[in-house]
Each structure stands twice: as structure tokens, then as C-alpha cells.
Amino acid sequence: MGLIQIERRGPIALLTLNRPDKLNAIPELDDGEAFAAACEQLNADREVRCAVITGAGRAFSAGGDVKAMQARTDLFEGDGLALRDRYRRIVHRIVRSVYALDVPLIAAVNGPAVGLGCGLAGLADIRIASDQARFGVPFLKLGILPGDGDAWMLPRLVGYPRAAELLFTGDLIDADTAERWGLVNRVVPHERLMEEAFAMAEKIAAQAPHALRLTKALLRQGREGSFEALLETTAAAQALAHLTADHHEGVSAHVERRKPDFRGA
């Protein structure tokens, strides 16, 4: 059985990291391909409107396999050139694939999210945390760097000073602190985590699917580009949205005071 289990619940896709005996440690050598294939599958499936990612067992993901680091095996085998190549082909392929996911992604963080596991949760659009969740990026405690893009992602989520604190100390923070810092949207009792995540996913999945994917693309562009460039992209995307049947349905439903029935047309 592969790393990622995909289960469809109507227009919602549930992705489960399924390596519970290793606290869902990532990456192993095939994990870049596994993430790329999963994300490409969801992007190509126009029936999918929202995705939820969580971990099997008691962790979301404990990040890299420290025993493999010590033994210099698997991802960590070889000289500097070999290590750089594997980071590009495996670690960076994981984060690039998740970042390029077209549909909104909710991370249901059920336990520790550490290292690359924290980075993976941070790449989601929305994070809902169990009260048992913990977050941290303790790369420096292992004498290495944040190799998964955390130095880009964390300041955008929690601001530079708190990102610096997380990275420079390597400390783990609890779910309540993560919520206070803006790293997660909300904290819920552990037993209600998936219920809350799917309630959010169902609300998102009720939106017009073409406009939903385009809105996520605008949000991503807005993080990186200029205001003027975003406005130009918005004008083109908005023109397309106005010509869809879903736009007509949304306007009709508003006038008729009923819920819209969006079909992705």
C-alpha cells in the first residue's frame, strides 16, 4: 500500500498519509512521485472541488527519518551532489506538487506536524488542528537547514519574527499557540477533527467549481506578484467566469432566494 491513500466523498477528496508505524515520516525515495501523482490526479478530476489531508495513526507527519539520517541511507546517502539532487527530485517535488494543487486544500492536523510535516501542513490553504497537534521545524537541532521551503512559507503565515523564533530555536509549539500565531485557522477537540474538517470542505465544495479553482490561483499569485499583475489576471479570469452557466445559476439563485446548484458548467 502506498504512502497516500485517496478516498472520494462526493466532490471532496480525502488524502491520508498512511505510514503510521513511522509516524508518517516523509520522504522516502518514492514519495516525490507519490505526491506528484496524487496531486495530478486531483487536478485532472474536475469533479473534485476540495481536498482534505490528514495522517493515519497518532501523527500528521513527523518529517524526515532521523535514523536514516544517522545511517546516511535512502534520501541521505552519497556525496553532496547526490544529496542536492535528491532534495530537488524528492523533497522539492513534494512541496511543489502540493503548492500547485488547483483545488482548495484543508490540512486536518491530527497530531505532531514536524519538519517537512509542518511544511506540508503549511502549504494547505486552511489548517484545522486537533488539540493534540504540535508544530515545529527543528532542522537546526539536527545541524541542517529548512530544506523544504519553510524559510519562504513560514514568514508568510506567521510573520518574520515568529518564523525566526520557530526556525532558530527548533522548539515545538502546541495547537493553541499555533492558533494564536496564525499558523492554524482553528483548534478543535481531537475527536471532532475530521467532522470539522469535512464541514469546512463541504462548505467550500458547494461553491462554483471553476470560479473556486480560479480564486485559489489568484490567491497564490497575490502572494508573489504585483498588484497590477494580479488585476490583469483577475480581469481575464473574471471574464471567463461571467460566461459560465454557474454564474447564471448563482445570480438566479440569489434573486430567487434559494441555494445555488452549481454543476461546473
Protein backbone atom coordinates (compact mmCIF):
# COMPACT_ATOMS: atom_id res chain seq x y z
CA MET A 1 0.00 0.00 0.00
CA GLY A 2 1.40 3.42 -0.97
CA LEU A 3 2.13 6.43 1.16
CA ILE A 4 -1.03 8.32 0.17
CA GLN A 5 -4.50 6.83 0.35
CA ILE A 6 -7.12 8.74 -1.65
CA GLU A 7 -10.79 8.38 -0.79
CA ARG A 8 -13.57 10.22 -2.60
CA ARG A 9 -16.55 11.51 -0.67
CA GLY A 10 -18.61 13.15 -3.36
CA PRO A 11 -16.77 16.29 -4.51
CA ILE A 12 -14.29 16.04 -1.62
CA ALA A 13 -11.08 14.02 -1.79
CA LEU A 14 -9.56 12.74 1.45
CA LEU A 15 -5.79 12.20 1.32
CA THR A 16 -4.37 10.15 4.19
CA LEU A 17 -0.65 9.81 4.85
CA ASN A 18 -0.50 6.09 5.57
CA ARG A 19 2.77 5.29 7.27
CA PRO A 20 1.59 5.22 10.89
CA ASP A 21 4.32 2.83 12.11
CA LYS A 22 6.85 5.61 11.31
CA LEU A 23 4.57 8.47 12.41
CA ASN A 24 4.02 9.16 8.71
CA ALA A 25 7.66 10.14 8.25
CA ILE A 26 8.48 11.62 4.84
CA PRO A 27 10.17 11.46 2.47
CA GLU A 28 11.21 8.03 1.32
CA LEU A 29 12.67 7.67 -2.16
CA ASP A 30 9.32 7.15 -3.91
CA ASP A 31 7.44 9.87 -2.05
CA GLY A 32 8.06 12.62 -4.58
CA GLU A 33 6.41 10.52 -7.25
CA ALA A 34 3.56 9.60 -4.88
CA PHE A 35 2.71 13.23 -4.10
CA ALA A 36 3.06 14.29 -7.73
CA ALA A 37 0.74 11.51 -8.91
CA ALA A 38 -1.86 12.25 -6.24
CA CYS A 39 -1.93 15.98 -6.95
CA GLU A 40 -2.01 15.48 -10.72
CA GLN A 41 -4.93 13.08 -10.27
CA LEU A 42 -6.90 15.66 -8.28
CA ASN A 43 -6.07 18.49 -10.67
CA ALA A 44 -7.29 16.42 -13.63
CA ASP A 45 -10.54 15.37 -11.93
CA ARG A 46 -12.99 18.21 -12.49
CA GLU A 47 -15.46 16.57 -10.12
CA VAL A 48 -13.13 17.27 -7.17
CA ARG A 49 -13.86 20.62 -5.57
CA CYS A 50 -11.94 20.42 -2.30
CA ALA A 51 -9.35 18.14 -0.66
CA VAL A 52 -8.55 17.26 2.94
CA ILE A 53 -5.18 15.86 4.03
CA THR A 54 -4.53 14.13 7.35
CA GLY A 55 -2.32 11.45 8.86
CA ALA A 56 -3.08 7.86 9.85
CA GLY A 57 -2.47 6.98 13.47
CA ARG A 58 -1.34 9.48 16.09
CA ALA A 59 0.74 11.85 13.93
CA PHE A 60 0.13 14.10 10.97
CA SER A 61 3.76 13.66 9.91
CA ALA A 62 6.96 13.54 11.96
CA GLY A 63 9.01 14.72 8.99
CA GLY A 64 12.31 13.15 7.99
CA ASP A 65 13.51 9.74 9.17
CA VAL A 66 16.25 10.61 11.68
CA LYS A 67 17.51 7.02 11.81
CA ALA A 68 18.08 7.14 8.05
CA MET A 69 19.92 10.43 8.52
CA GLN A 70 22.18 8.82 11.11
CA ALA A 71 22.86 5.81 8.88
CA ARG A 72 23.26 8.00 5.76
CA THR A 73 20.90 5.74 3.83
CA ASP A 74 17.98 6.25 1.42
CA LEU A 75 17.44 10.00 0.87
CA PHE A 76 20.62 10.81 2.82
CA GLU A 77 23.07 8.52 1.06
CA GLY A 78 26.03 9.71 -1.01
CA ASP A 79 28.01 12.90 -1.50
CA GLY A 80 26.81 16.49 -1.56
CA LEU A 81 25.82 16.41 -5.22
CA ALA A 82 23.73 13.28 -4.69
CA LEU A 83 22.01 14.82 -1.66
CA ARG A 84 21.25 18.03 -3.55
CA ASP A 85 19.78 16.04 -6.41
CA ARG A 86 17.52 14.03 -4.11
CA TYR A 87 16.27 17.18 -2.38
CA ARG A 88 15.37 18.58 -5.77
CA ARG A 89 13.79 15.39 -7.11
CA ILE A 90 12.01 14.23 -3.97
CA VAL A 91 11.57 16.87 -1.24
CA HIS A 92 11.05 19.75 -3.64
CA ARG A 93 8.80 17.68 -5.86
CA ILE A 94 6.57 17.04 -2.86
CA VAL A 95 6.21 20.69 -1.89
CA ARG A 96 5.90 21.90 -5.49
CA SER A 97 3.15 19.37 -6.18
CA VAL A 98 1.15 20.35 -3.10
CA TYR A 99 1.61 24.06 -3.76
CA ALA A 100 0.40 23.56 -7.35
CA LEU A 101 -2.81 21.78 -6.30
CA ASP A 102 -5.68 23.54 -8.09
CA VAL A 103 -8.41 22.83 -5.55
CA PRO A 104 -8.54 24.23 -2.01
CA LEU A 105 -6.67 22.01 0.46
CA ILE A 106 -7.54 21.67 4.14
CA ALA A 107 -4.96 20.14 6.48
CA ALA A 108 -6.65 18.25 9.32
CA VAL A 109 -3.67 18.11 11.67
CA ASN A 110 -4.34 15.19 13.97
CA GLY A 111 -1.02 15.11 15.86
CA PRO A 112 2.62 16.19 15.56
CA ALA A 113 3.48 18.04 12.34
CA VAL A 114 7.25 18.37 12.42
CA GLY A 115 9.89 19.35 9.87
CA LEU A 116 8.63 18.53 6.40
CA GLY A 117 5.36 17.51 8.07
CA CYS A 118 4.95 21.07 9.35
CA GLY A 119 5.86 22.41 5.93
CA LEU A 120 3.30 20.14 4.29
CA ALA A 121 0.55 21.37 6.63
CA GLY A 122 1.66 24.94 5.97
CA LEU A 123 1.18 24.50 2.23
CA ALA A 124 -2.52 23.81 2.74
CA ASP A 125 -4.90 26.72 2.26
CA ILE A 126 -6.65 26.12 5.58
CA ARG A 127 -5.40 24.31 8.69
CA ILE A 128 -7.67 22.83 11.33
CA ALA A 129 -5.78 21.35 14.27
CA SER A 130 -6.67 18.78 16.87
CA ASP A 131 -5.96 19.89 20.41
CA GLN A 132 -3.33 17.13 20.37
CA ALA A 133 -1.42 18.68 17.45
CA ARG A 134 2.11 20.02 17.76
CA PHE A 135 4.10 22.04 15.25
CA GLY A 136 7.80 22.59 14.79
CA VAL A 137 10.71 22.90 12.37
CA PRO A 138 13.70 21.61 14.38
CA PHE A 139 16.14 21.43 11.47
CA LEU A 140 18.88 23.36 13.27
CA LYS A 141 18.77 20.91 16.19
CA LEU A 142 19.89 18.30 13.66
CA GLY A 143 22.55 20.56 12.20
CA ILE A 144 20.75 21.04 8.89
CA LEU A 145 18.69 23.74 7.17
CA PRO A 146 14.98 24.07 6.41
CA GLY A 147 15.28 22.30 3.07
CA ASP A 148 11.61 22.21 2.12
CA GLY A 149 10.83 25.89 1.60
CA ASP A 150 9.91 26.76 5.19
CA ALA A 151 12.08 29.89 5.05
CA TRP A 152 9.71 31.15 2.33
CA MET A 153 6.45 29.77 3.69
CA LEU A 154 6.59 30.43 7.45
CA PRO A 155 7.11 34.22 7.31
CA ARG A 156 4.06 34.43 5.07
CA LEU A 157 1.99 32.52 7.60
CA VAL A 158 3.14 33.84 10.98
CA GLY A 159 5.32 36.87 10.18
CA TYR A 160 9.10 37.15 10.18
CA PRO A 161 9.73 37.35 13.97
CA ARG A 162 7.73 34.24 14.81
CA ALA A 163 9.10 32.35 11.81
CA ALA A 164 12.58 33.25 13.03
CA GLU A 165 11.74 32.00 16.52
CA LEU A 166 10.43 28.69 15.20
CA LEU A 167 13.41 28.13 12.89
CA PHE A 168 16.19 29.45 15.15
CA THR A 169 15.08 27.67 18.35
CA GLY A 170 13.68 24.49 16.79
CA ASP A 171 11.05 24.48 19.54
CA LEU A 172 7.69 22.79 19.09
CA ILE A 173 4.55 24.78 19.81
CA ASP A 174 1.17 23.44 20.87
CA ALA A 175 -2.05 23.84 18.94
CA ASP A 176 -3.30 26.82 20.96
CA THR A 177 -0.06 28.72 20.35
CA ALA A 178 -0.24 27.82 16.65
CA GLU A 179 -3.75 29.28 16.51
CA ARG A 180 -2.71 32.43 18.36
CA TRP A 181 0.22 32.91 15.96
CA GLY A 182 -1.97 32.38 12.89
CA LEU A 183 -0.37 29.09 11.86
CA VAL A 184 -3.74 27.32 12.09
CA ASN A 185 -7.26 28.61 11.48
CA ARG A 186 -8.78 26.89 14.47
CA VAL A 187 -8.26 24.23 17.13
CA VAL A 188 -10.95 21.64 17.84
CA PRO A 189 -11.26 18.67 20.20
CA HIS A 190 -9.39 15.69 18.79
CA GLU A 191 -12.48 13.54 18.40
CA ARG A 192 -14.20 16.24 16.30
CA LEU A 193 -11.27 16.99 13.98
CA MET A 194 -12.46 15.17 10.85
CA GLU A 195 -16.06 16.26 11.39
CA GLU A 196 -14.94 19.90 11.48
CA ALA A 197 -12.60 19.47 8.51
CA PHE A 198 -15.33 17.93 6.37
CA ALA A 199 -17.86 20.55 7.42
CA MET A 200 -15.46 23.18 6.11
CA ALA A 201 -14.75 21.13 2.97
CA GLU A 202 -18.47 20.72 2.24
CA LYS A 203 -18.99 24.48 2.54
CA ILE A 204 -16.14 25.09 0.10
CA ALA A 205 -17.27 22.33 -2.27
CA ALA A 206 -20.70 23.99 -2.54
CA GLN A 207 -19.14 26.90 -4.45
CA ALA A 208 -18.97 27.18 -8.25
CA PRO A 209 -16.07 24.86 -9.11
CA HIS A 210 -14.48 26.82 -11.98
CA ALA A 211 -14.60 30.07 -10.02
CA LEU A 212 -13.28 28.25 -6.96
CA ARG A 213 -10.15 26.98 -8.73
CA LEU A 214 -9.58 30.37 -10.34
CA THR A 215 -9.91 32.13 -6.97
CA LYS A 216 -7.28 29.85 -5.46
CA ALA A 217 -4.99 30.64 -8.40
CA LEU A 218 -5.49 34.37 -7.76
CA LEU A 219 -4.66 33.96 -4.08
CA ARG A 220 -1.43 32.17 -4.95
CA GLN A 221 -0.47 34.82 -7.50
CA GLY A 222 -1.24 37.51 -4.96
CA ARG A 223 1.42 36.14 -2.62
CA GLU A 224 4.13 36.55 -5.22
CA GLY A 225 3.22 39.09 -7.90
CA SER A 226 2.45 42.79 -8.07
CA PHE A 227 -0.97 44.31 -7.54
CA GLU A 228 -1.10 45.45 -11.18
CA ALA A 229 -0.24 41.97 -12.49
CA LEU A 230 -2.93 40.47 -10.25
CA LEU A 231 -5.53 42.89 -11.58
CA GLU A 232 -4.72 41.93 -15.16
CA THR A 233 -5.08 38.23 -14.36
CA THR A 234 -8.29 38.94 -12.46
CA ALA A 235 -9.84 40.73 -15.43
CA ALA A 236 -9.22 37.75 -17.72
CA ALA A 237 -10.40 35.19 -15.16
CA GLN A 238 -13.48 37.23 -14.30
CA ALA A 239 -14.45 37.46 -17.96
CA LEU A 240 -14.37 33.67 -18.19
CA ALA A 241 -16.40 33.31 -15.00
CA HIS A 242 -19.12 35.66 -16.29
CA LEU A 243 -19.65 33.39 -19.29
CA THR A 244 -20.27 30.21 -17.28
CA ALA A 245 -23.63 28.58 -16.62
CA ASP A 246 -22.71 28.52 -12.93
CA HIS A 247 -22.61 32.33 -12.89
CA HIS A 248 -26.12 32.44 -14.34
CA GLU A 249 -27.21 29.87 -11.74
CA GLY A 250 -25.64 31.84 -8.89
CA VAL A 251 -27.36 35.07 -9.91
CA SER A 252 -30.70 33.31 -10.43
CA ALA A 253 -30.46 31.59 -7.05
CA HIS A 254 -29.70 34.91 -5.34
CA VAL A 255 -32.68 36.63 -6.96
CA GLU A 256 -34.95 33.66 -6.21
CA ARG A 257 -33.68 33.38 -2.61
CA ARG A 258 -32.55 29.76 -2.84
CA LYS A 259 -29.32 27.83 -2.67
CA PRO A 260 -27.45 27.62 -5.98
CA ASP A 261 -26.91 24.27 -7.64
CA PHE A 262 -23.50 24.61 -9.25
CA ARG A 263 -22.66 21.98 -11.88
CA GLY A 264 -19.21 23.05 -13.03
CA ALA A 265 -20.51 24.36 -16.34
